[in-house]
Every structure is written in structure tokens, then in C-alpha cells.
């Protein structure tokens, strides 16, 4: 029985491009990648728990296999692109106090022009 899932636009762009290159349907390309991912996880050279531990800082990335490092890097880049709650609160407070900074069109560091608020 077929089921629908939601994938982000960024993922779908990759799937569409690769499915065209490989002469597969979109669902065929996703199924192909699922089979590959499952095989990698079962290969013995890949342990998702070790990748999770490395992302949490519990083990060194140098302890990962090459396959695990590739997956770790993808996870690391994704996590680094997301602001944590503390970071979001910190910058919200700075904006409220008129302490925001940014870059102008020339790439120069500028301060927010608003007056300080209590």
C-alpha cells in the first residue's frame, strides 16, 4: 500500500536531479537510496549510535570510520545551521536593547541605528 510523506524542497530538488540523471522515477530514486542506506548501516562499517555520540561530543570524530565521518559531517553541518534556544534568546535580547549588528551592502560591520530601550 503506497503512503505519502513530506520531504523538504531542498531534498526534493536533489531527488529530482538524481532521478533524471539515473533514469529513475522519483519514488524509484528514493527507494534506491533507502536500500543503499540500509545496506551501509548493516555493513559493519557504520554505526549510527557512534555518529550520534560524536555529534553529542561523547566520542571523538577521529574514532569514526570514513563512512561514519561522512554521515557525521552532514549531521554537523545541519546542526550548525540551526540556532539553539540560548542563541536565539541572546540575539533577541541584543536587538531589544538596540545592540544588534550586521553587515551593510558593502560587507562592512554596522550597528543597529535604534536607540537603546530598557
PDB file of N, CA and C in Angstrom:
ATOM      1  N   UNK A   1       0.847  -1.181   0.000  1.00  0.00           N
ATOM      2  CA  UNK A   1       0.000   0.000   0.000  1.00  0.00           C
ATOM      3  C   UNK A   1       0.888   1.238   0.000  1.00  0.00           C
ATOM      4  N   UNK A   2       0.719   2.106  -0.968  1.00  0.00           N
ATOM      5  CA  UNK A   2       1.512   3.324  -1.082  1.00  0.00           C
ATOM      6  C   UNK A   2       1.116   4.316   0.000  1.00  0.00           C
ATOM      7  N   UNK A   3       2.121   5.052   0.497  1.00  0.00           N
ATOM      8  CA  UNK A   3       1.872   6.074   1.501  1.00  0.00           C
ATOM      9  C   UNK A   3       2.586   7.352   1.091  1.00  0.00           C
ATOM     10  N   UNK A   4       2.043   8.468   1.479  1.00  0.00           N
ATOM     11  CA  UNK A   4       2.646   9.761   1.178  1.00  0.00           C
ATOM     12  C   UNK A   4       3.507  10.209   2.344  1.00  0.00           C
ATOM     13  N   UNK A   5       4.611  10.882   2.031  1.00  0.00           N
ATOM     14  CA  UNK A   5       5.457  11.506   3.046  1.00  0.00           C
ATOM     15  C   UNK A   5       5.805  12.898   2.557  1.00  0.00           C
ATOM     16  N   UNK A   6       6.175  13.764   3.495  1.00  0.00           N
ATOM     17  CA  UNK A   6       6.581  15.113   3.138  1.00  0.00           C
ATOM     18  C   UNK A   6       8.093  15.204   3.223  1.00  0.00           C
ATOM     19  N   UNK A   7       8.708  15.711   2.161  1.00  0.00           N
ATOM     20  CA  UNK A   7      10.142  15.958   2.132  1.00  0.00           C
ATOM     21  C   UNK A   7      10.353  17.426   1.816  1.00  0.00           C
ATOM     22  N   UNK A   8      11.395  18.002   2.393  1.00  0.00           N
ATOM     23  CA  UNK A   8      11.698  19.406   2.156  1.00  0.00           C
ATOM     24  C   UNK A   8      12.039  19.677   0.701  1.00  0.00           C
ATOM     25  N   UNK A   9      11.834  20.910   0.288  1.00  0.00           N
ATOM     26  CA  UNK A   9      12.131  21.310  -1.087  1.00  0.00           C
ATOM     27  C   UNK A   9      13.592  21.051  -1.453  1.00  0.00           C
ATOM     28  N   UNK A  10      14.496  21.267  -0.493  1.00  0.00           N
ATOM     29  CA  UNK A  10      15.916  21.049  -0.775  1.00  0.00           C
ATOM     30  C   UNK A  10      16.200  19.585  -1.080  1.00  0.00           C
ATOM     31  N   UNK A  11      15.568  18.684  -0.338  1.00  0.00           N
ATOM     32  CA  UNK A  11      15.739  17.247  -0.580  1.00  0.00           C
ATOM     33  C   UNK A  11      15.114  16.862  -1.917  1.00  0.00           C
ATOM     34  N   UNK A  12      13.932  17.370  -2.183  1.00  0.00           N
ATOM     35  CA  UNK A  12      13.245  17.023  -3.435  1.00  0.00           C
ATOM     36  C   UNK A  12      14.013  17.520  -4.653  1.00  0.00           C
ATOM     37  N   UNK A  13      14.674  18.651  -4.543  1.00  0.00           N
ATOM     38  CA  UNK A  13      15.488  19.152  -5.660  1.00  0.00           C
ATOM     39  C   UNK A  13      16.608  18.154  -5.980  1.00  0.00           C
ATOM     40  N   UNK A  14      17.237  17.632  -4.937  1.00  0.00           N
ATOM     41  CA  UNK A  14      18.305  16.645  -5.120  1.00  0.00           C
ATOM     42  C   UNK A  14      17.738  15.358  -5.713  1.00  0.00           C
ATOM     43  N   UNK A  15      16.602  14.906  -5.182  1.00  0.00           N
ATOM     44  CA  UNK A  15      15.983  13.675  -5.666  1.00  0.00           C
ATOM     45  C   UNK A  15      15.602  13.804  -7.139  1.00  0.00           C
ATOM     46  N   UNK A  16      14.985  14.916  -7.499  1.00  0.00           N
ATOM     47  CA  UNK A  16      14.572  15.112  -8.898  1.00  0.00           C
ATOM     48  C   UNK A  16      15.772  15.103  -9.844  1.00  0.00           C
ATOM     49  N   UNK A  17      16.810  15.832  -9.461  1.00  0.00           N
ATOM     50  CA  UNK A  17      18.002  15.906 -10.314  1.00  0.00           C
ATOM     51  C   UNK A  17      18.635  14.524 -10.473  1.00  0.00           C
ATOM     52  N   UNK A  18      18.804  13.812  -9.370  1.00  0.00           N
ATOM     53  CA  UNK A  18      19.441  12.499  -9.432  1.00  0.00           C
ATOM     54  C   UNK A  18      18.563  11.480 -10.151  1.00  0.00           C
ATOM     55  N   UNK A  19      17.255  11.567  -9.971  1.00  0.00           N
ATOM     56  CA  UNK A  19      16.371  10.619 -10.658  1.00  0.00           C
ATOM     57  C   UNK A  19      16.447  10.807 -12.173  1.00  0.00           C
ATOM     58  N   UNK A  20      16.579  12.048 -12.621  1.00  0.00           N
ATOM     59  CA  UNK A  20      16.742  12.299 -14.059  1.00  0.00           C
ATOM     60  C   UNK A  20      18.073  11.747 -14.561  1.00  0.00           C
ATOM     61  N   UNK A  21      19.143  11.991 -13.807  1.00  0.00           N
ATOM     62  CA  UNK A  21      20.467  11.508 -14.210  1.00  0.00           C
ATOM     63  C   UNK A  21      20.529   9.986 -14.277  1.00  0.00           C
ATOM     64  N   UNK A  22      19.814   9.320 -13.370  1.00  0.00           N
ATOM     65  CA  UNK A  22      19.856   7.858 -13.283  1.00  0.00           C
ATOM     66  C   UNK A  22      18.705   7.179 -14.022  1.00  0.00           C
ATOM     67  N   UNK A  23      17.884   7.963 -14.695  1.00  0.00           N
ATOM     68  CA  UNK A  23      16.723   7.442 -15.431  1.00  0.00           C
ATOM     69  C   UNK A  23      15.801   6.607 -14.531  1.00  0.00           C
ATOM     70  N   UNK A  24      15.524   7.154 -13.358  1.00  0.00           N
ATOM     71  CA  UNK A  24      14.610   6.511 -12.410  1.00  0.00           C
ATOM     72  C   UNK A  24      13.449   7.455 -12.135  1.00  0.00           C
ATOM     73  N   UNK A  25      12.352   6.877 -11.689  1.00  0.00           N
ATOM     74  CA  UNK A  25      11.257   7.727 -11.207  1.00  0.00           C
ATOM     75  C   UNK A  25      11.697   8.328  -9.880  1.00  0.00           C
ATOM     76  N   UNK A  26      10.999   9.337  -9.428  1.00  0.00           N
ATOM     77  CA  UNK A  26      11.325   9.946  -8.143  1.00  0.00           C
ATOM     78  C   UNK A  26      11.185   8.916  -7.025  1.00  0.00           C
ATOM     79  N   UNK A  27      10.087   8.154  -7.034  1.00  0.00           N
ATOM     80  CA  UNK A  27       9.916   7.140  -5.985  1.00  0.00           C
ATOM     81  C   UNK A  27      10.964   6.045  -6.127  1.00  0.00           C
ATOM     82  N   UNK A  28      11.345   5.720  -7.353  1.00  0.00           N
ATOM     83  CA  UNK A  28      12.393   4.724  -7.568  1.00  0.00           C
ATOM     84  C   UNK A  28      13.737   5.185  -7.031  1.00  0.00           C
ATOM     85  N   UNK A  29      14.032   6.480  -7.187  1.00  0.00           N
ATOM     86  CA  UNK A  29      15.294   7.022  -6.685  1.00  0.00           C
ATOM     87  C   UNK A  29      15.323   6.996  -5.163  1.00  0.00           C
ATOM     88  N   UNK A  30      14.221   7.380  -4.547  1.00  0.00           N
ATOM     89  CA  UNK A  30      14.156   7.365  -3.077  1.00  0.00           C
ATOM     90  C   UNK A  30      14.295   5.931  -2.572  1.00  0.00           C
ATOM     91  N   UNK A  31      13.598   4.991  -3.203  1.00  0.00           N
ATOM     92  CA  UNK A  31      13.694   3.584  -2.785  1.00  0.00           C
ATOM     93  C   UNK A  31      15.125   3.074  -2.956  1.00  0.00           C
ATOM     94  N   UNK A  32      15.785   3.467  -4.032  1.00  0.00           N
ATOM     95  CA  UNK A  32      17.175   3.071  -4.273  1.00  0.00           C
ATOM     96  C   UNK A  32      18.076   3.573  -3.147  1.00  0.00           C
ATOM     97  N   UNK A  33      17.924   4.841  -2.779  1.00  0.00           N
ATOM     98  CA  UNK A  33      18.742   5.396  -1.703  1.00  0.00           C
ATOM     99  C   UNK A  33      18.435   4.743  -0.367  1.00  0.00           C
ATOM    100  N   UNK A  34      17.193   4.381  -0.142  1.00  0.00           N
ATOM    101  CA  UNK A  34      16.835   3.694   1.107  1.00  0.00           C
ATOM    102  C   UNK A  34      17.541   2.346   1.168  1.00  0.00           C
ATOM    103  N   UNK A  35      17.536   1.600   0.058  1.00  0.00           N
ATOM    104  CA  UNK A  35      18.222   0.306   0.041  1.00  0.00           C
ATOM    105  C   UNK A  35      19.716   0.468   0.273  1.00  0.00           C
ATOM    106  N   UNK A  36      20.312   1.483  -0.344  1.00  0.00           N
ATOM    107  CA  UNK A  36      21.749   1.736  -0.151  1.00  0.00           C
ATOM    108  C   UNK A  36      22.025   2.097   1.308  1.00  0.00           C
ATOM    109  N   UNK A  37      21.253   2.999   1.860  1.00  0.00           N
ATOM    110  CA  UNK A  37      21.444   3.414   3.250  1.00  0.00           C
ATOM    111  C   UNK A  37      21.293   2.257   4.209  1.00  0.00           C
ATOM    112  N   UNK A  38      20.319   1.424   3.961  1.00  0.00           N
ATOM    113  CA  UNK A  38      20.105   0.249   4.828  1.00  0.00           C
ATOM    114  C   UNK A  38      21.296  -0.695   4.733  1.00  0.00           C
ATOM    115  N   UNK A  39      21.804  -0.916   3.516  1.00  0.00           N
ATOM    116  CA  UNK A  39      22.959  -1.799   3.336  1.00  0.00           C
ATOM    117  C   UNK A  39      24.192  -1.248   4.042  1.00  0.00           C
ATOM    118  N   UNK A  40      24.375   0.069   3.961  1.00  0.00           N
ATOM    119  CA  UNK A  40      25.523   0.691   4.626  1.00  0.00           C
ATOM    120  C   UNK A  40      25.413   0.516   6.137  1.00  0.00           C
ATOM    121  N   UNK A  41      24.238   0.756   6.678  1.00  0.00           N
ATOM    122  CA  UNK A  41      24.055   0.619   8.116  1.00  0.00           C
ATOM    123  C   UNK A  41      24.298  -0.806   8.589  1.00  0.00           C
ATOM    124  N   UNK A  42      23.987  -1.779   7.751  1.00  0.00           N
ATOM    125  CA  UNK A  42      24.169  -3.184   8.130  1.00  0.00           C
ATOM    126  C   UNK A  42      25.561  -3.707   7.779  1.00  0.00           C
ATOM    127  N   UNK A  43      26.399  -2.908   7.127  1.00  0.00           N
ATOM    128  CA  UNK A  43      27.688  -3.377   6.614  1.00  0.00           C
ATOM    129  C   UNK A  43      28.714  -3.689   7.698  1.00  0.00           C
ATOM    130  N   UNK A  44      28.518  -3.149   8.878  1.00  0.00           N
ATOM    131  CA  UNK A  44      29.505  -3.339   9.926  1.00  0.00           C
ATOM    132  C   UNK A  44      30.524  -2.212   9.972  1.00  0.00           C
ATOM    133  N   UNK A  45      30.575  -1.376   8.943  1.00  0.00           N
ATOM    134  CA  UNK A  45      31.468  -0.220   8.916  1.00  0.00           C
ATOM    135  C   UNK A  45      30.752   1.049   9.356  1.00  0.00           C
ATOM    136  N   UNK A  46      29.532   0.900   9.777  1.00  0.00           N
ATOM    137  CA  UNK A  46      28.686   2.060  10.049  1.00  0.00           C
ATOM    138  C   UNK A  46      27.859   1.779  11.289  1.00  0.00           C
ATOM    139  N   UNK A  47      27.931   2.660  12.264  1.00  0.00           N
ATOM    140  CA  UNK A  47      27.156   2.508  13.487  1.00  0.00           C
ATOM    141  C   UNK A  47      26.529   3.858  13.810  1.00  0.00           C
ATOM    142  N   UNK A  48      25.222   3.949  13.630  1.00  0.00           N
ATOM    143  CA  UNK A  48      24.537   5.230  13.828  1.00  0.00           C
ATOM    144  C   UNK A  48      24.662   5.718  15.265  1.00  0.00           C
ATOM    145  N   UNK A  49      24.716   4.807  16.228  1.00  0.00           N
ATOM    146  CA  UNK A  49      24.865   5.208  17.629  1.00  0.00           C
ATOM    147  C   UNK A  49      26.197   5.925  17.836  1.00  0.00           C
ATOM    148  N   UNK A  50      27.247   5.495  17.154  1.00  0.00           N
ATOM    149  CA  UNK A  50      28.552   6.153  17.265  1.00  0.00           C
ATOM    150  C   UNK A  50      28.499   7.560  16.651  1.00  0.00           C
ATOM    151  N   UNK A  51      27.781   7.717  15.564  1.00  0.00           N
ATOM    152  CA  UNK A  51      27.642   9.033  14.935  1.00  0.00           C
ATOM    153  C   UNK A  51      26.889   9.969  15.875  1.00  0.00           C
ATOM    154  N   UNK A  52      25.813   9.473  16.468  1.00  0.00           N
ATOM    155  CA  UNK A  52      25.040  10.267  17.425  1.00  0.00           C
ATOM    156  C   UNK A  52      25.914  10.673  18.609  1.00  0.00           C
ATOM    157  N   UNK A  53      26.730   9.729  19.092  1.00  0.00           N
ATOM    158  CA  UNK A  53      27.629  10.033  20.216  1.00  0.00           C
ATOM    159  C   UNK A  53      28.653  11.090  19.819  1.00  0.00           C
ATOM    160  N   UNK A  54      29.169  11.028  18.597  1.00  0.00           N
ATOM    161  CA  UNK A  54      30.138  12.025  18.135  1.00  0.00           C
ATOM    162  C   UNK A  54      29.471  13.394  17.992  1.00  0.00           C
ATOM    163  N   UNK A  55      28.240  13.428  17.502  1.00  0.00           N
ATOM    164  CA  UNK A  55      27.521  14.699  17.375  1.00  0.00           C
ATOM    165  C   UNK A  55      27.247  15.308  18.747  1.00  0.00           C
ATOM    166  N   UNK A  56      27.078  14.458  19.754  1.00  0.00           N
ATOM    167  CA  UNK A  56      26.842  14.939  21.120  1.00  0.00           C
ATOM    168  C   UNK A  56      28.142  15.277  21.839  1.00  0.00           C
ATOM    169  N   UNK A  57      29.289  14.964  21.204  1.00  0.00           N
ATOM    170  CA  UNK A  57      30.578  15.245  21.820  1.00  0.00           C
ATOM    171  C   UNK A  57      31.029  14.177  22.800  1.00  0.00           C
ATOM    172  N   UNK A  58      30.360  13.027  22.783  1.00  0.00           N
ATOM    173  CA  UNK A  58      30.703  11.961  23.722  1.00  0.00           C
ATOM    174  C   UNK A  58      31.893  11.121  23.262  1.00  0.00           C
ATOM    175  N   UNK A  59      32.145  11.080  21.947  1.00  0.00           N
ATOM    176  CA  UNK A  59      33.336  10.407  21.427  1.00  0.00           C
ATOM    177  C   UNK A  59      33.985  11.318  20.397  1.00  0.00           C
ATOM    178  N   UNK A  60      35.247  11.101  20.122  1.00  0.00           N
ATOM    179  CA  UNK A  60      35.985  11.903  19.142  1.00  0.00           C
ATOM    180  C   UNK A  60      35.605  11.476  17.723  1.00  0.00           C
ATOM    181  N   UNK A  61      35.565  12.421  16.822  1.00  0.00           N
ATOM    182  CA  UNK A  61      35.270  12.086  15.429  1.00  0.00           C
ATOM    183  C   UNK A  61      36.387  11.246  14.815  1.00  0.00           C
ATOM    184  N   UNK A  62      37.588  11.324  15.375  1.00  0.00           N
ATOM    185  CA  UNK A  62      38.695  10.520  14.861  1.00  0.00           C
ATOM    186  C   UNK A  62      38.470   9.036  15.123  1.00  0.00           C
ATOM    187  N   UNK A  63      37.525   8.711  16.013  1.00  0.00           N
ATOM    188  CA  UNK A  63      37.198   7.314  16.294  1.00  0.00           C
ATOM    189  C   UNK A  63      36.201   6.736  15.296  1.00  0.00           C
ATOM    190  N   UNK A  64      35.664   7.566  14.403  1.00  0.00           N
ATOM    191  CA  UNK A  64      34.664   7.114  13.439  1.00  0.00           C
ATOM    192  C   UNK A  64      35.334   6.535  12.196  1.00  0.00           C
ATOM    193  N   UNK A  65      34.638   5.606  11.533  1.00  0.00           N
ATOM    194  CA  UNK A  65      35.107   5.097  10.245  1.00  0.00           C
ATOM    195  C   UNK A  65      34.887   6.191   9.199  1.00  0.00           C
ATOM    196  N   UNK A  66      35.455   6.029   8.017  1.00  0.00           N
ATOM    197  CA  UNK A  66      35.267   7.020   6.953  1.00  0.00           C
ATOM    198  C   UNK A  66      33.787   7.175   6.602  1.00  0.00           C
ATOM    199  N   UNK A  67      33.056   6.063   6.552  1.00  0.00           N
ATOM    200  CA  UNK A  67      31.629   6.118   6.250  1.00  0.00           C
ATOM    201  C   UNK A  67      30.874   6.883   7.332  1.00  0.00           C
ATOM    202  N   UNK A  68      31.229   6.631   8.585  1.00  0.00           N
ATOM    203  CA  UNK A  68      30.580   7.324   9.695  1.00  0.00           C
ATOM    204  C   UNK A  68      30.913   8.815   9.683  1.00  0.00           C
ATOM    205  N   UNK A  69      32.145   9.159   9.312  1.00  0.00           N
ATOM    206  CA  UNK A  69      32.537  10.570   9.249  1.00  0.00           C
ATOM    207  C   UNK A  69      31.716  11.322   8.212  1.00  0.00           C
ATOM    208  N   UNK A  70      31.433  10.681   7.081  1.00  0.00           N
ATOM    209  CA  UNK A  70      30.616  11.332   6.046  1.00  0.00           C
ATOM    210  C   UNK A  70      29.230  11.673   6.572  1.00  0.00           C
ATOM    211  N   UNK A  71      28.620  10.737   7.279  1.00  0.00           N
ATOM    212  CA  UNK A  71      27.288  10.969   7.834  1.00  0.00           C
ATOM    213  C   UNK A  71      27.365  11.977   8.972  1.00  0.00           C
ATOM    214  N   UNK A  72      28.406  11.876   9.807  1.00  0.00           N
ATOM    215  CA  UNK A  72      28.596  12.828  10.904  1.00  0.00           C
ATOM    216  C   UNK A  72      28.685  14.248  10.353  1.00  0.00           C
ATOM    217  N   UNK A  73      29.455  14.430   9.279  1.00  0.00           N
ATOM    218  CA  UNK A  73      29.628  15.769   8.712  1.00  0.00           C
ATOM    219  C   UNK A  73      28.301  16.344   8.243  1.00  0.00           C
ATOM    220  N   UNK A  74      27.480  15.525   7.588  1.00  0.00           N
ATOM    221  CA  UNK A  74      26.161  16.006   7.169  1.00  0.00           C
ATOM    222  C   UNK A  74      25.337  16.451   8.379  1.00  0.00           C
ATOM    223  N   UNK A  75      25.353  15.649   9.436  1.00  0.00           N
ATOM    224  CA  UNK A  75      24.614  15.997  10.653  1.00  0.00           C
ATOM    225  C   UNK A  75      25.168  17.234  11.327  1.00  0.00           C
ATOM    226  N   UNK A  76      26.497  17.355  11.336  1.00  0.00           N
ATOM    227  CA  UNK A  76      27.147  18.511  11.950  1.00  0.00           C
ATOM    228  C   UNK A  76      26.780  19.799  11.216  1.00  0.00           C
ATOM    229  N   UNK A  77      26.856  19.765   9.896  1.00  0.00           N
ATOM    230  CA  UNK A  77      26.525  20.951   9.099  1.00  0.00           C
ATOM    231  C   UNK A  77      25.070  21.343   9.326  1.00  0.00           C
ATOM    232  N   UNK A  78      24.192  20.360   9.389  1.00  0.00           N
ATOM    233  CA  UNK A  78      22.774  20.656   9.638  1.00  0.00           C
ATOM    234  C   UNK A  78      22.578  21.294  11.008  1.00  0.00           C
ATOM    235  N   UNK A  79      23.209  20.721  12.036  1.00  0.00           N
ATOM    236  CA  UNK A  79      23.075  21.273  13.396  1.00  0.00           C
ATOM    237  C   UNK A  79      23.658  22.681  13.492  1.00  0.00           C
ATOM    238  N   UNK A  80      24.764  22.930  12.846  1.00  0.00           N
ATOM    239  CA  UNK A  80      25.404  24.249  12.905  1.00  0.00           C
ATOM    240  C   UNK A  80      24.564  25.313  12.203  1.00  0.00           C
ATOM    241  N   UNK A  81      23.718  24.907  11.292  1.00  0.00           N
ATOM    242  CA  UNK A  81      22.856  25.847  10.595  1.00  0.00           C
ATOM    243  C   UNK A  81      21.616  26.230  11.373  1.00  0.00           C
ATOM    244  N   UNK A  82      21.393  25.583  12.515  1.00  0.00           N
ATOM    245  CA  UNK A  82      20.208  25.844  13.321  1.00  0.00           C
ATOM    246  C   UNK A  82      20.612  26.538  14.619  1.00  0.00           C
ATOM    247  N   UNK A  83      19.977  27.663  14.873  1.00  0.00           N
ATOM    248  CA  UNK A  83      20.260  28.380  16.123  1.00  0.00           C
ATOM    249  C   UNK A  83      19.638  27.639  17.301  1.00  0.00           C
ATOM    250  N   UNK A  84      20.388  27.535  18.388  1.00  0.00           N
ATOM    251  CA  UNK A  84      19.860  26.943  19.610  1.00  0.00           C
ATOM    252  C   UNK A  84      18.984  27.950  20.338  1.00  0.00           C
ATOM    253  N   UNK A  85      18.219  27.491  21.318  1.00  0.00           N
ATOM    254  CA  UNK A  85      17.307  28.390  22.042  1.00  0.00           C
ATOM    255  C   UNK A  85      18.083  29.479  22.773  1.00  0.00           C
ATOM    256  N   UNK A  86      19.242  29.135  23.331  1.00  0.00           N
ATOM    257  CA  UNK A  86      20.053  30.131  24.022  1.00  0.00           C
ATOM    258  C   UNK A  86      20.561  31.202  23.072  1.00  0.00           C
ATOM    259  N   UNK A  87      20.973  30.781  21.885  1.00  0.00           N
ATOM    260  CA  UNK A  87      21.465  31.728  20.875  1.00  0.00           C
ATOM    261  C   UNK A  87      20.339  32.644  20.397  1.00  0.00           C
ATOM    262  N   UNK A  88      19.180  32.072  20.169  1.00  0.00           N
ATOM    263  CA  UNK A  88      18.034  32.870  19.732  1.00  0.00           C
ATOM    264  C   UNK A  88      17.667  33.902  20.790  1.00  0.00           C
ATOM    265  N   UNK A  89      17.622  33.499  22.054  1.00  0.00           N
ATOM    266  CA  UNK A  89      17.289  34.417  23.148  1.00  0.00           C
ATOM    267  C   UNK A  89      18.347  35.503  23.293  1.00  0.00           C
ATOM    268  N   UNK A  90      19.617  35.139  23.162  1.00  0.00           N
ATOM    269  CA  UNK A  90      20.713  36.099  23.282  1.00  0.00           C
ATOM    270  C   UNK A  90      20.566  37.214  22.247  1.00  0.00           C
ATOM    271  N   UNK A  91      20.344  36.840  20.987  1.00  0.00           N
ATOM    272  CA  UNK A  91      20.254  37.855  19.943  1.00  0.00           C
ATOM    273  C   UNK A  91      18.946  38.634  20.002  1.00  0.00           C
ATOM    274  N   UNK A  92      17.874  38.012  20.481  1.00  0.00           N
ATOM    275  CA  UNK A  92      16.614  38.747  20.666  1.00  0.00           C
ATOM    276  C   UNK A  92      16.792  39.829  21.717  1.00  0.00           C
ATOM    277  N   UNK A  93      17.494  39.498  22.794  1.00  0.00           N
ATOM    278  CA  UNK A  93      17.763  40.489  23.858  1.00  0.00           C
ATOM    279  C   UNK A  93      18.628  41.624  23.324  1.00  0.00           C
ATOM    280  N   UNK A  94      19.652  41.298  22.548  1.00  0.00           N
ATOM    281  CA  UNK A  94      20.532  42.335  21.979  1.00  0.00           C
ATOM    282  C   UNK A  94      19.734  43.272  21.058  1.00  0.00           C
ATOM    283  N   UNK A  95      18.840  42.695  20.254  1.00  0.00           N
ATOM    284  CA  UNK A  95      18.026  43.542  19.373  1.00  0.00           C
ATOM    285  C   UNK A  95      17.129  44.457  20.200  1.00  0.00           C
ATOM    286  N   UNK A  96      16.541  43.912  21.269  1.00  0.00           N
ATOM    287  CA  UNK A  96      15.658  44.700  22.121  1.00  0.00           C
ATOM    288  C   UNK A  96      16.414  45.870  22.750  1.00  0.00           C
ATOM    289  N   UNK A  97      17.677  45.652  23.105  1.00  0.00           N
ATOM    290  CA  UNK A  97      18.496  46.697  23.719  1.00  0.00           C
ATOM    291  C   UNK A  97      19.141  47.632  22.694  1.00  0.00           C
ATOM    292  N   UNK A  98      18.882  47.384  21.411  1.00  0.00           N
ATOM    293  CA  UNK A  98      19.484  48.217  20.374  1.00  0.00           C
ATOM    294  C   UNK A  98      20.951  47.903  20.151  1.00  0.00           C
ATOM    295  N   UNK A  99      21.367  46.698  20.476  1.00  0.00           N
ATOM    296  CA  UNK A  99      22.763  46.313  20.344  1.00  0.00           C
ATOM    297  C   UNK A  99      23.020  45.417  19.138  1.00  0.00           C
ATOM    298  N   UNK A 100      22.067  45.342  18.231  1.00  0.00           N
ATOM    299  CA  UNK A 100      22.232  44.477  17.072  1.00  0.00           C
ATOM    300  C   UNK A 100      23.333  44.964  16.150  1.00  0.00           C
ATOM    301  N   UNK A 101      23.951  44.037  15.480  1.00  0.00           N
ATOM    302  CA  UNK A 101      24.955  44.358  14.474  1.00  0.00           C
ATOM    303  C   UNK A 101      24.650  43.555  13.225  1.00  0.00           C
ATOM    304  N   UNK A 102      25.250  43.964  12.133  1.00  0.00           N
ATOM    305  CA  UNK A 102      25.049  43.253  10.874  1.00  0.00           C
ATOM    306  C   UNK A 102      26.028  43.752   9.844  1.00  0.00           C
ATOM    307  N   UNK A 103      25.821  43.349   8.611  1.00  0.00           N
ATOM    308  CA  UNK A 103      26.670  43.779   7.505  1.00  0.00           C
ATOM    309  C   UNK A 103      25.874  44.665   6.572  1.00  0.00           C
ATOM    310  N   UNK A 104      26.505  45.752   6.098  1.00  0.00           N
ATOM    311  CA  UNK A 104      25.843  46.582   5.104  1.00  0.00           C
ATOM    312  C   UNK A 104      26.083  45.974   3.722  1.00  0.00           C
ATOM    313  N   UNK A 105      25.592  46.638   2.673  1.00  0.00           N
ATOM    314  CA  UNK A 105      25.700  46.087   1.321  1.00  0.00           C
ATOM    315  C   UNK A 105      27.146  45.913   0.864  1.00  0.00           C
ATOM    316  N   UNK A 106      28.065  46.678   1.462  1.00  0.00           N
ATOM    317  CA  UNK A 106      29.484  46.563   1.101  1.00  0.00           C
ATOM    318  C   UNK A 106      30.210  45.519   1.942  1.00  0.00           C
ATOM    319  N   UNK A 107      29.481  44.896   2.876  1.00  0.00           N
ATOM    320  CA  UNK A 107      30.099  43.880   3.716  1.00  0.00           C
ATOM    321  C   UNK A 107      30.773  44.426   4.960  1.00  0.00           C
ATOM    322  N   UNK A 108      30.533  45.708   5.276  1.00  0.00           N
ATOM    323  CA  UNK A 108      31.109  46.320   6.470  1.00  0.00           C
ATOM    324  C   UNK A 108      30.221  46.076   7.679  1.00  0.00           C
ATOM    325  N   UNK A 109      30.834  45.870   8.834  1.00  0.00           N
ATOM    326  CA  UNK A 109      30.104  45.663  10.074  1.00  0.00           C
ATOM    327  C   UNK A 109      29.448  46.971  10.502  1.00  0.00           C
ATOM    328  N   UNK A 110      28.154  46.915  10.798  1.00  0.00           N
ATOM    329  CA  UNK A 110      27.407  48.104  11.213  1.00  0.00           C
ATOM    330  C   UNK A 110      26.609  47.798  12.466  1.00  0.00           C
ATOM    331  N   UNK A 111      26.311  48.844  13.247  1.00  0.00           N
ATOM    332  CA  UNK A 111      25.465  48.717  14.424  1.00  0.00           C
ATOM    333  C   UNK A 111      24.058  49.142  14.062  1.00  0.00           C
ATOM    334  N   UNK A 112      23.089  48.593  14.793  1.00  0.00           N
ATOM    335  CA  UNK A 112      21.710  48.974  14.604  1.00  0.00           C
ATOM    336  C   UNK A 112      21.565  50.446  14.986  1.00  0.00           C
ATOM    337  N   UNK A 113      20.734  51.179  14.268  1.00  0.00           N
ATOM    338  CA  UNK A 113      20.606  52.622  14.460  1.00  0.00           C
ATOM    339  C   UNK A 113      19.605  53.020  15.530  1.00  0.00           C
ATOM    340  N   UNK A 114      18.824  52.077  16.055  1.00  0.00           N
ATOM    341  CA  UNK A 114      17.781  52.438  17.018  1.00  0.00           C
ATOM    342  C   UNK A 114      18.383  52.784  18.364  1.00  0.00           C
ATOM    343  N   UNK A 115      17.664  53.570  19.105  1.00  0.00           N
ATOM    344  CA  UNK A 115      18.106  53.958  20.456  1.00  0.00           C
ATOM    345  C   UNK A 115      17.914  52.790  21.402  1.00  0.00           C
ATOM    346  N   UNK A 116      18.701  52.818  22.475  1.00  0.00           N
ATOM    347  CA  UNK A 116      18.586  51.767  23.496  1.00  0.00           C
ATOM    348  C   UNK A 116      17.252  51.841  24.191  1.00  0.00           C
ATOM    349  N   UNK A 117      16.697  50.661  24.466  1.00  0.00           N
ATOM    350  CA  UNK A 117      15.429  50.565  25.196  1.00  0.00           C
ATOM    351  C   UNK A 117      15.694  49.783  26.466  1.00  0.00           C
ATOM    352  N   UNK A 118      14.956  50.099  27.518  1.00  0.00           N
ATOM    353  CA  UNK A 118      15.149  49.381  28.795  1.00  0.00           C
ATOM    354  C   UNK A 118      14.351  48.120  28.839  1.00  0.00           C
TER     355      UNK A 118
END
